[in-house]
Amino acid sequence: MTARTCPEWPALLNVAPDLQFKHYTVAEAHLPAEVLMALAGGSLDTLTICCDAEHHVYNAEHTDEGVARALRDTHWFELREWATSGPGAVTD
């Protein structure tokens, strides 16, 4: 666990045990260009995202609302979507 680790990590493990959520600024997260263009009015050093960057999954509850909105039409998944209908969905 690092200082960037989301403080809600125990609860997140129940939803997505294979993911590790950390807090980043948008400038650090290397988000898609279309997201950065949508956020052109905000400071990328102050807007925040809670995500597993490797798996392109973000936690909307801990992510700036504008960032979450900009990510909706990209290849990134919101955590609940990832766990229910995306790659993290449990199939029987």
N, C-alpha and C. Protein backbone atom coordinates (compact mmCIF):
# COMPACT_ATOMS: atom_id res chain seq x y z
N MET A 1 0.85 -1.17 0.00
CA MET A 1 0.00 0.00 0.00
C MET A 1 0.89 1.24 0.00
N THR A 2 0.52 2.23 -0.83
CA THR A 2 1.29 3.46 -0.90
C THR A 2 0.43 4.63 -0.45
N ALA A 3 1.04 5.80 -0.35
CA ALA A 3 0.32 7.00 0.06
C ALA A 3 -0.76 7.36 -0.95
N ARG A 4 -0.61 6.94 -2.18
CA ARG A 4 -1.61 7.22 -3.21
C ARG A 4 -2.80 6.26 -3.15
N THR A 5 -2.65 5.17 -2.45
CA THR A 5 -3.71 4.17 -2.40
C THR A 5 -4.99 4.80 -1.88
N CYS A 6 -6.11 4.50 -2.55
CA CYS A 6 -7.40 5.04 -2.15
C CYS A 6 -7.70 4.60 -0.71
N PRO A 7 -8.15 5.54 0.14
CA PRO A 7 -8.45 5.18 1.52
C PRO A 7 -9.63 4.20 1.63
N GLU A 8 -10.40 4.06 0.59
CA GLU A 8 -11.54 3.14 0.58
C GLU A 8 -11.15 1.75 0.06
N TRP A 9 -9.84 1.46 0.00
CA TRP A 9 -9.39 0.21 -0.63
C TRP A 9 -10.04 -1.05 -0.07
N PRO A 10 -10.33 -1.16 1.24
CA PRO A 10 -10.96 -2.41 1.69
C PRO A 10 -12.33 -2.64 1.03
N ALA A 11 -13.12 -1.58 0.91
CA ALA A 11 -14.44 -1.71 0.27
C ALA A 11 -14.28 -1.97 -1.22
N LEU A 12 -13.30 -1.35 -1.84
CA LEU A 12 -13.08 -1.55 -3.27
C LEU A 12 -12.65 -2.98 -3.58
N LEU A 13 -11.97 -3.62 -2.66
CA LEU A 13 -11.58 -5.02 -2.85
C LEU A 13 -12.79 -5.93 -2.97
N ASN A 14 -13.89 -5.57 -2.31
CA ASN A 14 -15.11 -6.36 -2.42
C ASN A 14 -15.73 -6.27 -3.80
N VAL A 15 -15.55 -5.14 -4.47
CA VAL A 15 -16.12 -4.91 -5.80
C VAL A 15 -15.18 -5.41 -6.89
N ALA A 16 -13.88 -5.13 -6.73
CA ALA A 16 -12.90 -5.45 -7.77
C ALA A 16 -11.59 -5.91 -7.12
N PRO A 17 -11.52 -7.15 -6.69
CA PRO A 17 -10.34 -7.62 -5.96
C PRO A 17 -9.04 -7.62 -6.77
N ASP A 18 -9.13 -7.61 -8.09
CA ASP A 18 -7.93 -7.63 -8.92
C ASP A 18 -7.38 -6.25 -9.26
N LEU A 19 -8.07 -5.21 -8.83
CA LEU A 19 -7.66 -3.85 -9.17
C LEU A 19 -7.07 -3.14 -7.95
N GLN A 20 -6.20 -2.18 -8.21
CA GLN A 20 -5.61 -1.38 -7.13
C GLN A 20 -5.84 0.09 -7.46
N PHE A 21 -6.71 0.73 -6.70
CA PHE A 21 -7.07 2.12 -6.95
C PHE A 21 -6.15 3.07 -6.21
N LYS A 22 -5.69 4.07 -6.95
CA LYS A 22 -4.82 5.11 -6.39
C LYS A 22 -5.35 6.47 -6.81
N HIS A 23 -4.98 7.49 -6.07
CA HIS A 23 -5.38 8.86 -6.37
C HIS A 23 -4.25 9.56 -7.11
N TYR A 24 -4.61 10.22 -8.21
CA TYR A 24 -3.65 10.95 -9.05
C TYR A 24 -4.26 12.29 -9.43
N THR A 25 -3.41 13.23 -9.85
CA THR A 25 -3.92 14.39 -10.55
C THR A 25 -4.11 13.96 -11.99
N VAL A 26 -4.93 14.68 -12.73
CA VAL A 26 -5.15 14.35 -14.14
C VAL A 26 -3.83 14.45 -14.90
N ALA A 27 -2.99 15.39 -14.55
CA ALA A 27 -1.70 15.54 -15.22
C ALA A 27 -0.85 14.28 -15.06
N GLU A 28 -0.96 13.59 -13.95
CA GLU A 28 -0.16 12.39 -13.69
C GLU A 28 -0.75 11.12 -14.31
N ALA A 29 -2.04 11.12 -14.59
CA ALA A 29 -2.75 9.89 -14.93
C ALA A 29 -2.62 9.45 -16.39
N HIS A 30 -2.10 10.30 -17.25
CA HIS A 30 -1.93 9.96 -18.67
C HIS A 30 -3.25 9.52 -19.30
N LEU A 31 -4.24 10.39 -19.19
CA LEU A 31 -5.57 10.11 -19.73
C LEU A 31 -5.60 10.36 -21.23
N PRO A 32 -6.62 9.82 -21.92
CA PRO A 32 -6.72 10.02 -23.37
C PRO A 32 -6.79 11.51 -23.75
N ALA A 33 -6.32 11.81 -24.93
CA ALA A 33 -6.28 13.21 -25.41
C ALA A 33 -7.65 13.85 -25.40
N GLU A 34 -8.70 13.10 -25.77
CA GLU A 34 -10.03 13.69 -25.81
C GLU A 34 -10.51 14.11 -24.42
N VAL A 35 -10.04 13.43 -23.39
CA VAL A 35 -10.38 13.82 -22.02
C VAL A 35 -9.66 15.12 -21.67
N LEU A 36 -8.41 15.19 -22.00
CA LEU A 36 -7.63 16.40 -21.70
C LEU A 36 -8.21 17.61 -22.43
N MET A 37 -8.65 17.42 -23.68
CA MET A 37 -9.26 18.52 -24.43
C MET A 37 -10.57 18.95 -23.80
N ALA A 38 -11.34 18.00 -23.29
CA ALA A 38 -12.61 18.33 -22.64
C ALA A 38 -12.40 19.08 -21.33
N LEU A 39 -11.24 18.92 -20.74
CA LEU A 39 -10.92 19.57 -19.46
C LEU A 39 -10.07 20.81 -19.63
N ALA A 40 -9.99 21.33 -20.83
CA ALA A 40 -9.09 22.45 -21.13
C ALA A 40 -9.29 23.65 -20.21
N GLY A 41 -10.47 23.82 -19.63
CA GLY A 41 -10.72 24.96 -18.76
C GLY A 41 -10.22 24.77 -17.34
N GLY A 42 -9.86 23.55 -16.97
CA GLY A 42 -9.43 23.28 -15.60
C GLY A 42 -7.93 23.05 -15.52
N SER A 43 -7.39 23.15 -14.33
CA SER A 43 -5.97 22.89 -14.12
C SER A 43 -5.75 21.40 -13.96
N LEU A 44 -4.99 20.82 -14.85
CA LEU A 44 -4.73 19.38 -14.82
C LEU A 44 -3.93 18.97 -13.59
N ASP A 45 -3.31 19.95 -12.91
CA ASP A 45 -2.55 19.67 -11.70
C ASP A 45 -3.43 19.67 -10.44
N THR A 46 -4.68 20.12 -10.56
CA THR A 46 -5.55 20.14 -9.39
C THR A 46 -6.75 19.21 -9.53
N LEU A 47 -7.15 18.88 -10.76
CA LEU A 47 -8.24 17.93 -10.97
C LEU A 47 -7.74 16.54 -10.59
N THR A 48 -8.59 15.75 -9.94
CA THR A 48 -8.13 14.45 -9.44
C THR A 48 -8.95 13.29 -10.00
N ILE A 49 -8.30 12.13 -9.98
CA ILE A 49 -8.93 10.89 -10.41
C ILE A 49 -8.48 9.78 -9.47
N CYS A 50 -9.41 8.90 -9.16
CA CYS A 50 -9.13 7.69 -8.39
C CYS A 50 -9.27 6.55 -9.38
N CYS A 51 -8.18 5.82 -9.64
CA CYS A 51 -8.25 4.83 -10.71
C CYS A 51 -7.21 3.72 -10.55
N ASP A 52 -7.44 2.68 -11.31
CA ASP A 52 -6.43 1.67 -11.60
C ASP A 52 -6.03 1.99 -13.03
N ALA A 53 -4.95 2.73 -13.18
CA ALA A 53 -4.53 3.23 -14.49
C ALA A 53 -4.15 2.10 -15.45
N GLU A 54 -3.60 1.04 -14.93
CA GLU A 54 -3.18 -0.08 -15.77
C GLU A 54 -4.38 -0.75 -16.46
N HIS A 55 -5.50 -0.83 -15.75
CA HIS A 55 -6.69 -1.49 -16.29
C HIS A 55 -7.73 -0.52 -16.83
N HIS A 56 -7.46 0.78 -16.77
CA HIS A 56 -8.35 1.83 -17.28
C HIS A 56 -9.73 1.79 -16.61
N VAL A 57 -9.70 1.74 -15.28
CA VAL A 57 -10.92 1.73 -14.49
C VAL A 57 -10.82 2.87 -13.47
N TYR A 58 -11.88 3.69 -13.40
CA TYR A 58 -11.88 4.79 -12.43
C TYR A 58 -13.06 4.65 -11.47
N ASN A 59 -12.88 5.19 -10.29
CA ASN A 59 -13.91 5.20 -9.25
C ASN A 59 -14.54 6.58 -9.27
N ALA A 60 -15.75 6.69 -9.82
CA ALA A 60 -16.42 7.98 -9.97
C ALA A 60 -16.66 8.67 -8.63
N GLU A 61 -16.84 7.90 -7.58
CA GLU A 61 -17.10 8.48 -6.26
C GLU A 61 -15.92 9.31 -5.74
N HIS A 62 -14.72 9.01 -6.19
CA HIS A 62 -13.53 9.74 -5.74
C HIS A 62 -12.84 10.49 -6.87
N THR A 63 -13.55 10.69 -7.97
CA THR A 63 -12.99 11.37 -9.13
C THR A 63 -13.74 12.67 -9.36
N ASP A 64 -13.01 13.71 -9.73
CA ASP A 64 -13.63 14.98 -10.06
C ASP A 64 -14.77 14.74 -11.05
N GLU A 65 -15.90 15.35 -10.83
CA GLU A 65 -17.09 15.12 -11.65
C GLU A 65 -16.85 15.40 -13.14
N GLY A 66 -16.14 16.46 -13.45
CA GLY A 66 -15.84 16.79 -14.85
C GLY A 66 -14.95 15.75 -15.50
N VAL A 67 -14.01 15.22 -14.74
CA VAL A 67 -13.12 14.17 -15.25
C VAL A 67 -13.93 12.91 -15.53
N ALA A 68 -14.80 12.52 -14.60
CA ALA A 68 -15.64 11.34 -14.79
C ALA A 68 -16.53 11.51 -16.02
N ARG A 69 -17.10 12.67 -16.19
CA ARG A 69 -17.96 12.94 -17.34
C ARG A 69 -17.16 12.82 -18.65
N ALA A 70 -15.95 13.34 -18.66
CA ALA A 70 -15.11 13.28 -19.86
C ALA A 70 -14.66 11.85 -20.17
N LEU A 71 -14.53 11.01 -19.16
CA LEU A 71 -14.09 9.62 -19.37
C LEU A 71 -15.20 8.71 -19.89
N ARG A 72 -16.46 9.12 -19.76
CA ARG A 72 -17.58 8.25 -20.12
C ARG A 72 -17.54 7.74 -21.56
N ASP A 73 -17.10 8.55 -22.49
CA ASP A 73 -17.11 8.16 -23.90
C ASP A 73 -15.75 7.67 -24.38
N THR A 74 -14.94 7.16 -23.46
CA THR A 74 -13.62 6.64 -23.84
C THR A 74 -13.58 5.14 -23.54
N HIS A 75 -12.40 4.57 -23.70
CA HIS A 75 -12.23 3.13 -23.41
C HIS A 75 -12.10 2.85 -21.92
N TRP A 76 -12.14 3.88 -21.08
CA TRP A 76 -12.08 3.69 -19.64
C TRP A 76 -13.44 3.23 -19.11
N PHE A 77 -13.43 2.43 -18.05
CA PHE A 77 -14.64 1.94 -17.41
C PHE A 77 -14.79 2.61 -16.04
N GLU A 78 -16.03 2.95 -15.70
CA GLU A 78 -16.32 3.34 -14.32
C GLU A 78 -16.35 2.04 -13.52
N LEU A 79 -15.94 2.06 -12.28
CA LEU A 79 -15.80 0.85 -11.46
C LEU A 79 -17.05 -0.01 -11.47
N ARG A 80 -18.21 0.57 -11.22
CA ARG A 80 -19.44 -0.23 -11.16
C ARG A 80 -19.75 -0.88 -12.52
N GLU A 81 -19.51 -0.14 -13.60
CA GLU A 81 -19.70 -0.69 -14.94
C GLU A 81 -18.73 -1.85 -15.19
N TRP A 82 -17.48 -1.65 -14.81
CA TRP A 82 -16.45 -2.68 -15.00
C TRP A 82 -16.84 -3.97 -14.27
N ALA A 83 -17.36 -3.81 -13.06
CA ALA A 83 -17.69 -4.97 -12.23
C ALA A 83 -18.99 -5.66 -12.62
N THR A 84 -19.90 -4.96 -13.29
CA THR A 84 -21.20 -5.56 -13.61
C THR A 84 -21.35 -5.99 -15.05
N SER A 85 -20.87 -5.16 -15.98
CA SER A 85 -21.05 -5.50 -17.40
C SER A 85 -19.76 -5.45 -18.20
N GLY A 86 -18.67 -5.05 -17.57
CA GLY A 86 -17.39 -4.94 -18.26
C GLY A 86 -16.52 -6.15 -18.01
N PRO A 87 -15.22 -6.00 -18.22
CA PRO A 87 -14.29 -7.13 -18.07
C PRO A 87 -14.25 -7.75 -16.68
N GLY A 88 -14.67 -7.03 -15.67
CA GLY A 88 -14.64 -7.57 -14.32
C GLY A 88 -15.90 -8.28 -13.90
N ALA A 89 -16.88 -8.35 -14.80
CA ALA A 89 -18.14 -9.00 -14.46
C ALA A 89 -17.92 -10.49 -14.25
N VAL A 90 -18.57 -11.01 -13.23
CA VAL A 90 -18.50 -12.44 -12.94
C VAL A 90 -19.48 -13.14 -13.86
N THR A 91 -18.98 -14.09 -14.60
CA THR A 91 -19.85 -14.88 -15.48
C THR A 91 -19.97 -16.29 -14.95
N ASP A 92 -21.15 -16.84 -15.02
CA ASP A 92 -21.38 -18.20 -14.54
C ASP A 92 -21.46 -19.17 -15.68
